[in-house]
Amino acid sequence: MDRLLKLQALLDKTRTADFLAPLALRLYLAPVFLMAGYNKFSHFDDTAAWFGNPDWGLGLPLPGLMAFLATSTELVGAAMLFFGLGVRWISIPLMVTMLVAAFAVHWQHGWLAIADKSAWLFSSDRVVAGLERLDKAKDILKEHGNYDWLTEHGSVVMLNNGIEFAATYFIMLLALFFIGAGRYASMDYWIAALVGKRRSQL
């Protein structure tokens, strides 16, 4: 029992570095949303058209406004996550964008973002068909291309476009919503410390 208590005490000491977890989440998510927002901004007219078109797009109302809100949320959100400013607040609209992406864009394709034969738990007819097409594409590349050079830095894959990434980002944002930006390496922490100090001086 004493040994177990000592191990628990040792484990508890790691909490002194618990700020690393939210920092890692923020620094992982910031470039993800920066790139997503920048891509929408760079092709804003195409983004708005895709948001509004019911045939080959999302069929959303007020597509220009929706595209602006999505773009600005991702760009501003990336900066706020990076600096750790208003992290709990910005997590809310970012989670909304992930829910819209998951249900409006990716839901019909299942879970997997990339078709993977080893992920049998999430397999579907779409994944199986995608893998069949991937095998055909590989055969064509082997016959008519320099396959070793093409795959030198990674295997050829088939995009499945499922909800995997959107769901993962949503869960990461949900964690940040509850735990906040973290101590020391965030503006939220230092602003709260400054406000607390001023309150104590009143």
C-alpha atoms as a PDB file:
ATOM      1  CA  MET A   1       0.000   0.000   0.000  1.00  0.00           C
ATOM      2  CA  ASP A   2       2.825   2.412   0.865  1.00  0.00           C
ATOM      3  CA  ARG A   3       4.465   1.741  -2.480  1.00  0.00           C
ATOM      4  CA  LEU A   4       1.180   2.395  -4.256  1.00  0.00           C
ATOM      5  CA  LEU A   5       0.743   5.693  -2.397  1.00  0.00           C
ATOM      6  CA  LYS A   6       4.279   6.731  -3.315  1.00  0.00           C
ATOM      7  CA  LEU A   7       3.618   5.925  -6.962  1.00  0.00           C
ATOM      8  CA  GLN A   8       0.400   7.940  -6.819  1.00  0.00           C
ATOM      9  CA  ALA A   9       2.266  10.853  -5.240  1.00  0.00           C
ATOM     10  CA  LEU A  10       4.863  10.657  -7.991  1.00  0.00           C
ATOM     11  CA  LEU A  11       2.121  10.597 -10.605  1.00  0.00           C
ATOM     12  CA  ASP A  12       0.437  13.605  -8.997  1.00  0.00           C
ATOM     13  CA  LYS A  13       3.667  15.590  -9.299  1.00  0.00           C
ATOM     14  CA  THR A  14       3.319  15.489 -13.075  1.00  0.00           C
ATOM     15  CA  ARG A  15       0.381  17.861 -12.674  1.00  0.00           C
ATOM     16  CA  THR A  16       2.907  20.667 -12.361  1.00  0.00           C
ATOM     17  CA  ALA A  17       3.266  20.352 -16.136  1.00  0.00           C
ATOM     18  CA  ASP A  18      -0.446  19.948 -16.871  1.00  0.00           C
ATOM     19  CA  PHE A  19      -0.365  23.137 -18.965  1.00  0.00           C
ATOM     20  CA  LEU A  20       1.389  21.151 -21.688  1.00  0.00           C
ATOM     21  CA  ALA A  21      -1.790  19.262 -22.625  1.00  0.00           C
ATOM     22  CA  PRO A  22      -3.946  22.285 -23.577  1.00  0.00           C
ATOM     23  CA  LEU A  23      -0.895  23.936 -25.141  1.00  0.00           C
ATOM     24  CA  ALA A  24      -0.365  20.889 -27.358  1.00  0.00           C
ATOM     25  CA  LEU A  25      -4.043  20.848 -28.347  1.00  0.00           C
ATOM     26  CA  ARG A  26      -3.946  24.554 -29.214  1.00  0.00           C
ATOM     27  CA  LEU A  27      -0.734  24.350 -31.230  1.00  0.00           C
ATOM     28  CA  TYR A  28      -2.045  21.318 -33.108  1.00  0.00           C
ATOM     29  CA  LEU A  29      -5.393  22.891 -33.972  1.00  0.00           C
ATOM     30  CA  ALA A  30      -4.194  26.430 -34.794  1.00  0.00           C
ATOM     31  CA  PRO A  31      -2.529  25.584 -38.149  1.00  0.00           C
ATOM     32  CA  VAL A  32      -5.414  23.249 -39.046  1.00  0.00           C
ATOM     33  CA  PHE A  33      -7.909  26.107 -38.820  1.00  0.00           C
ATOM     34  CA  LEU A  34      -5.472  28.617 -40.305  1.00  0.00           C
ATOM     35  CA  MET A  35      -5.108  26.531 -43.463  1.00  0.00           C
ATOM     36  CA  ALA A  36      -8.847  25.813 -43.666  1.00  0.00           C
ATOM     37  CA  GLY A  37      -9.727  29.476 -43.237  1.00  0.00           C
ATOM     38  CA  TYR A  38      -7.060  30.668 -45.657  1.00  0.00           C
ATOM     39  CA  ASN A  39      -8.253  28.248 -48.340  1.00  0.00           C
ATOM     40  CA  LYS A  40     -11.809  29.541 -47.970  1.00  0.00           C
ATOM     41  CA  PHE A  41     -10.594  33.153 -48.026  1.00  0.00           C
ATOM     42  CA  SER A  42      -8.401  32.578 -51.114  1.00  0.00           C
ATOM     43  CA  HIS A  43     -11.328  31.088 -53.041  1.00  0.00           C
ATOM     44  CA  PHE A  44     -14.149  32.938 -51.324  1.00  0.00           C
ATOM     45  CA  ASP A  45     -16.507  33.120 -54.313  1.00  0.00           C
ATOM     46  CA  ASP A  46     -16.112  29.395 -54.940  1.00  0.00           C
ATOM     47  CA  THR A  47     -16.641  28.714 -51.229  1.00  0.00           C
ATOM     48  CA  ALA A  48     -19.853  30.759 -51.157  1.00  0.00           C
ATOM     49  CA  ALA A  49     -21.088  29.047 -54.320  1.00  0.00           C
ATOM     50  CA  TRP A  50     -20.381  25.614 -52.811  1.00  0.00           C
ATOM     51  CA  PHE A  51     -22.139  26.575 -49.576  1.00  0.00           C
ATOM     52  CA  GLY A  52     -25.266  27.653 -51.462  1.00  0.00           C
ATOM     53  CA  ASN A  53     -25.614  25.220 -54.362  1.00  0.00           C
ATOM     54  CA  PRO A  54     -28.144  22.445 -53.559  1.00  0.00           C
ATOM     55  CA  ASP A  55     -27.017  20.187 -56.415  1.00  0.00           C
ATOM     56  CA  TRP A  56     -23.243  19.893 -55.956  1.00  0.00           C
ATOM     57  CA  GLY A  57     -22.797  21.848 -52.728  1.00  0.00           C
ATOM     58  CA  LEU A  58     -24.245  22.121 -49.257  1.00  0.00           C
ATOM     59  CA  GLY A  59     -27.438  23.975 -50.139  1.00  0.00           C
ATOM     60  CA  LEU A  60     -27.153  26.315 -47.144  1.00  0.00           C
ATOM     61  CA  PRO A  61     -29.218  29.529 -46.895  1.00  0.00           C
ATOM     62  CA  LEU A  62     -27.418  32.885 -47.126  1.00  0.00           C
ATOM     63  CA  PRO A  63     -24.286  31.252 -48.571  1.00  0.00           C
ATOM     64  CA  GLY A  64     -22.249  34.478 -48.685  1.00  0.00           C
ATOM     65  CA  LEU A  65     -22.879  35.150 -45.016  1.00  0.00           C
ATOM     66  CA  MET A  66     -22.273  31.514 -44.084  1.00  0.00           C
ATOM     67  CA  ALA A  67     -18.988  31.472 -46.019  1.00  0.00           C
ATOM     68  CA  PHE A  68     -17.903  34.699 -44.317  1.00  0.00           C
ATOM     69  CA  LEU A  69     -18.770  33.346 -40.860  1.00  0.00           C
ATOM     70  CA  ALA A  70     -16.964  30.058 -41.474  1.00  0.00           C
ATOM     71  CA  THR A  71     -13.892  31.772 -42.922  1.00  0.00           C
ATOM     72  CA  SER A  72     -13.608  34.414 -40.207  1.00  0.00           C
ATOM     73  CA  THR A  73     -14.244  31.881 -37.444  1.00  0.00           C
ATOM     74  CA  GLU A  74     -11.422  29.673 -38.664  1.00  0.00           C
ATOM     75  CA  LEU A  75      -8.930  32.500 -39.247  1.00  0.00           C
ATOM     76  CA  VAL A  76      -9.663  34.357 -36.013  1.00  0.00           C
ATOM     77  CA  GLY A  77      -9.954  31.053 -34.165  1.00  0.00           C
ATOM     78  CA  ALA A  78      -6.507  29.975 -35.339  1.00  0.00           C
ATOM     79  CA  ALA A  79      -4.954  33.142 -33.927  1.00  0.00           C
ATOM     80  CA  MET A  80      -6.855  32.901 -30.649  1.00  0.00           C
ATOM     81  CA  LEU A  81      -5.877  29.267 -30.178  1.00  0.00           C
ATOM     82  CA  PHE A  82      -2.240  30.032 -30.938  1.00  0.00           C
ATOM     83  CA  PHE A  83      -2.021  32.852 -28.406  1.00  0.00           C
ATOM     84  CA  GLY A  84      -4.342  31.215 -25.898  1.00  0.00           C
ATOM     85  CA  LEU A  85      -6.768  34.134 -25.913  1.00  0.00           C
ATOM     86  CA  GLY A  86     -10.465  33.527 -25.221  1.00  0.00           C
ATOM     87  CA  VAL A  87      -9.948  29.836 -25.869  1.00  0.00           C
ATOM     88  CA  ARG A  88     -13.138  28.641 -24.176  1.00  0.00           C
ATOM     89  CA  TRP A  89     -15.169  31.236 -26.080  1.00  0.00           C
ATOM     90  CA  ILE A  90     -13.705  30.577 -29.527  1.00  0.00           C
ATOM     91  CA  SER A  91     -14.024  26.820 -29.016  1.00  0.00           C
ATOM     92  CA  ILE A  92     -17.814  27.183 -29.276  1.00  0.00           C
ATOM     93  CA  PRO A  93     -18.079  28.545 -32.859  1.00  0.00           C
ATOM     94  CA  LEU A  94     -15.219  26.291 -33.953  1.00  0.00           C
ATOM     95  CA  MET A  95     -17.114  23.276 -32.614  1.00  0.00           C
ATOM     96  CA  VAL A  96     -20.171  24.460 -34.548  1.00  0.00           C
ATOM     97  CA  THR A  97     -18.120  24.567 -37.771  1.00  0.00           C
ATOM     98  CA  MET A  98     -16.938  21.024 -37.094  1.00  0.00           C
ATOM     99  CA  LEU A  99     -20.503  19.825 -36.529  1.00  0.00           C
ATOM    100  CA  VAL A 100     -21.625  21.452 -39.786  1.00  0.00           C
ATOM    101  CA  ALA A 101     -18.679  19.868 -41.606  1.00  0.00           C
ATOM    102  CA  ALA A 102     -19.338  16.465 -40.054  1.00  0.00           C
ATOM    103  CA  PHE A 103     -23.073  16.323 -40.763  1.00  0.00           C
ATOM    104  CA  ALA A 104     -23.376  18.390 -43.952  1.00  0.00           C
ATOM    105  CA  VAL A 105     -20.230  17.208 -45.763  1.00  0.00           C
ATOM    106  CA  HIS A 106     -18.786  14.000 -44.333  1.00  0.00           C
ATOM    107  CA  TRP A 107     -21.611  12.063 -42.625  1.00  0.00           C
ATOM    108  CA  GLN A 108     -22.772  10.262 -45.764  1.00  0.00           C
ATOM    109  CA  HIS A 109     -19.278   8.807 -46.215  1.00  0.00           C
ATOM    110  CA  GLY A 110     -19.062   7.085 -42.839  1.00  0.00           C
ATOM    111  CA  TRP A 111     -16.220   7.351 -40.343  1.00  0.00           C
ATOM    112  CA  LEU A 112     -12.948   6.876 -42.218  1.00  0.00           C
ATOM    113  CA  ALA A 113     -11.206   9.880 -43.739  1.00  0.00           C
ATOM    114  CA  ILE A 114      -8.880   7.584 -45.738  1.00  0.00           C
ATOM    115  CA  ALA A 115     -10.030   4.210 -47.101  1.00  0.00           C
ATOM    116  CA  ASP A 116      -8.107   1.599 -45.113  1.00  0.00           C
ATOM    117  CA  LYS A 117      -8.511  -2.163 -45.454  1.00  0.00           C
ATOM    118  CA  SER A 118      -7.111  -2.749 -41.959  1.00  0.00           C
ATOM    119  CA  ALA A 119      -9.853  -0.589 -40.371  1.00  0.00           C
ATOM    120  CA  TRP A 120     -12.428  -3.375 -40.662  1.00  0.00           C
ATOM    121  CA  LEU A 121     -14.493  -1.968 -37.800  1.00  0.00           C
ATOM    122  CA  PHE A 122     -15.394   1.077 -39.904  1.00  0.00           C
ATOM    123  CA  SER A 123     -15.567  -0.629 -43.276  1.00  0.00           C
ATOM    124  CA  SER A 124     -18.486   0.037 -45.623  1.00  0.00           C
ATOM    125  CA  ASP A 125     -19.451  -0.610 -49.236  1.00  0.00           C
ATOM    126  CA  ARG A 126     -17.988   2.786 -50.097  1.00  0.00           C
ATOM    127  CA  VAL A 127     -14.652   1.908 -48.471  1.00  0.00           C
ATOM    128  CA  VAL A 128     -14.533  -1.474 -50.239  1.00  0.00           C
ATOM    129  CA  ALA A 129     -15.303   0.161 -53.590  1.00  0.00           C
ATOM    130  CA  GLY A 130     -12.678   2.813 -52.936  1.00  0.00           C
ATOM    131  CA  LEU A 131     -10.055   0.184 -52.173  1.00  0.00           C
ATOM    132  CA  GLU A 132     -10.904  -1.654 -55.405  1.00  0.00           C
ATOM    133  CA  ARG A 133     -10.364   1.577 -57.337  1.00  0.00           C
ATOM    134  CA  LEU A 134      -7.135   2.161 -55.428  1.00  0.00           C
ATOM    135  CA  ASP A 135      -5.823  -1.253 -56.466  1.00  0.00           C
ATOM    136  CA  LYS A 136      -6.651  -0.461 -60.108  1.00  0.00           C
ATOM    137  CA  ALA A 137      -4.925   2.921 -59.839  1.00  0.00           C
ATOM    138  CA  LYS A 138      -1.827   1.276 -58.378  1.00  0.00           C
ATOM    139  CA  ASP A 139      -1.764  -1.251 -61.229  1.00  0.00           C
ATOM    140  CA  ILE A 140      -1.917   1.592 -63.769  1.00  0.00           C
ATOM    141  CA  LEU A 141       0.850   3.508 -61.996  1.00  0.00           C
ATOM    142  CA  LYS A 142       3.061   0.412 -61.814  1.00  0.00           C
ATOM    143  CA  GLU A 143       2.570  -0.253 -65.509  1.00  0.00           C
ATOM    144  CA  HIS A 144       2.849   3.278 -66.870  1.00  0.00           C
ATOM    145  CA  GLY A 145       4.735   5.247 -64.208  1.00  0.00           C
ATOM    146  CA  ASN A 146       7.787   5.165 -61.959  1.00  0.00           C
ATOM    147  CA  TYR A 147       5.913   3.614 -59.031  1.00  0.00           C
ATOM    148  CA  ASP A 148       8.936   3.429 -56.721  1.00  0.00           C
ATOM    149  CA  TRP A 149       9.582   7.141 -57.175  1.00  0.00           C
ATOM    150  CA  LEU A 150       5.894   8.034 -56.811  1.00  0.00           C
ATOM    151  CA  THR A 151       5.618   6.157 -53.514  1.00  0.00           C
ATOM    152  CA  GLU A 152       9.070   6.978 -52.148  1.00  0.00           C
ATOM    153  CA  HIS A 153       7.652   9.322 -49.499  1.00  0.00           C
ATOM    154  CA  GLY A 154       4.366   7.534 -48.856  1.00  0.00           C
ATOM    155  CA  SER A 155       1.860   5.113 -50.263  1.00  0.00           C
ATOM    156  CA  VAL A 156      -0.877   6.089 -52.683  1.00  0.00           C
ATOM    157  CA  VAL A 157      -4.192   6.294 -50.807  1.00  0.00           C
ATOM    158  CA  MET A 158      -7.885   6.704 -51.600  1.00  0.00           C
ATOM    159  CA  LEU A 159      -9.761   9.526 -49.887  1.00  0.00           C
ATOM    160  CA  ASN A 160     -12.979   8.341 -48.251  1.00  0.00           C
ATOM    161  CA  ASN A 161     -13.926  11.765 -46.822  1.00  0.00           C
ATOM    162  CA  GLY A 162     -15.665  10.445 -43.704  1.00  0.00           C
ATOM    163  CA  ILE A 163     -16.225  12.309 -40.432  1.00  0.00           C
ATOM    164  CA  GLU A 164     -13.000  11.091 -38.769  1.00  0.00           C
ATOM    165  CA  PHE A 165     -11.058  14.370 -38.877  1.00  0.00           C
ATOM    166  CA  ALA A 166     -14.033  16.618 -38.099  1.00  0.00           C
ATOM    167  CA  ALA A 167     -14.976  14.418 -35.131  1.00  0.00           C
ATOM    168  CA  THR A 168     -11.390  14.382 -33.860  1.00  0.00           C
ATOM    169  CA  TYR A 169     -11.086  18.161 -34.051  1.00  0.00           C
ATOM    170  CA  PHE A 170     -14.473  18.531 -32.344  1.00  0.00           C
ATOM    171  CA  ILE A 171     -13.338  16.356 -29.427  1.00  0.00           C
ATOM    172  CA  MET A 172     -10.102  18.328 -29.094  1.00  0.00           C
ATOM    173  CA  LEU A 173     -12.071  21.588 -29.052  1.00  0.00           C
ATOM    174  CA  LEU A 174     -14.500  20.128 -26.530  1.00  0.00           C
ATOM    175  CA  ALA A 175     -11.575  19.376 -24.228  1.00  0.00           C
ATOM    176  CA  LEU A 176     -10.311  22.952 -24.601  1.00  0.00           C
ATOM    177  CA  PHE A 177     -13.797  24.284 -23.907  1.00  0.00           C
ATOM    178  CA  PHE A 178     -13.813  22.561 -20.517  1.00  0.00           C
ATOM    179  CA  ILE A 179     -10.160  22.883 -19.460  1.00  0.00           C
ATOM    180  CA  GLY A 180      -9.366  26.239 -21.057  1.00  0.00           C
ATOM    181  CA  ALA A 181      -6.106  27.468 -22.555  1.00  0.00           C
ATOM    182  CA  GLY A 182      -3.914  26.164 -19.732  1.00  0.00           C
ATOM    183  CA  ARG A 183      -1.500  27.815 -17.342  1.00  0.00           C
ATOM    184  CA  TYR A 184       1.589  29.886 -18.131  1.00  0.00           C
ATOM    185  CA  ALA A 185       1.653  29.572 -21.943  1.00  0.00           C
ATOM    186  CA  SER A 186      -1.576  31.428 -22.673  1.00  0.00           C
ATOM    187  CA  MET A 187      -2.845  34.994 -22.622  1.00  0.00           C
ATOM    188  CA  ASP A 188      -5.970  33.798 -20.803  1.00  0.00           C
ATOM    189  CA  TYR A 189      -3.850  32.709 -17.838  1.00  0.00           C
ATOM    190  CA  TRP A 190      -1.969  36.002 -17.547  1.00  0.00           C
ATOM    191  CA  ILE A 191      -5.087  38.113 -18.047  1.00  0.00           C
ATOM    192  CA  ALA A 192      -6.860  36.145 -15.303  1.00  0.00           C
ATOM    193  CA  ALA A 193      -3.814  36.524 -13.038  1.00  0.00           C
ATOM    194  CA  LEU A 194      -3.726  40.283 -13.660  1.00  0.00           C
ATOM    195  CA  VAL A 195      -7.457  40.681 -13.038  1.00  0.00           C
ATOM    196  CA  GLY A 196      -7.200  38.586  -9.869  1.00  0.00           C
ATOM    197  CA  LYS A 197      -4.300  40.692  -8.624  1.00  0.00           C
ATOM    198  CA  ARG A 198      -6.194  43.928  -9.218  1.00  0.00           C
ATOM    199  CA  ARG A 199      -9.266  42.566  -7.462  1.00  0.00           C
ATOM    200  CA  SER A 200      -7.185  41.618  -4.458  1.00  0.00           C
ATOM    201  CA  GLN A 201      -5.849  45.168  -4.289  1.00  0.00           C
ATOM    202  CA  LEU A 202      -9.308  46.729  -4.159  1.00  0.00           C
END
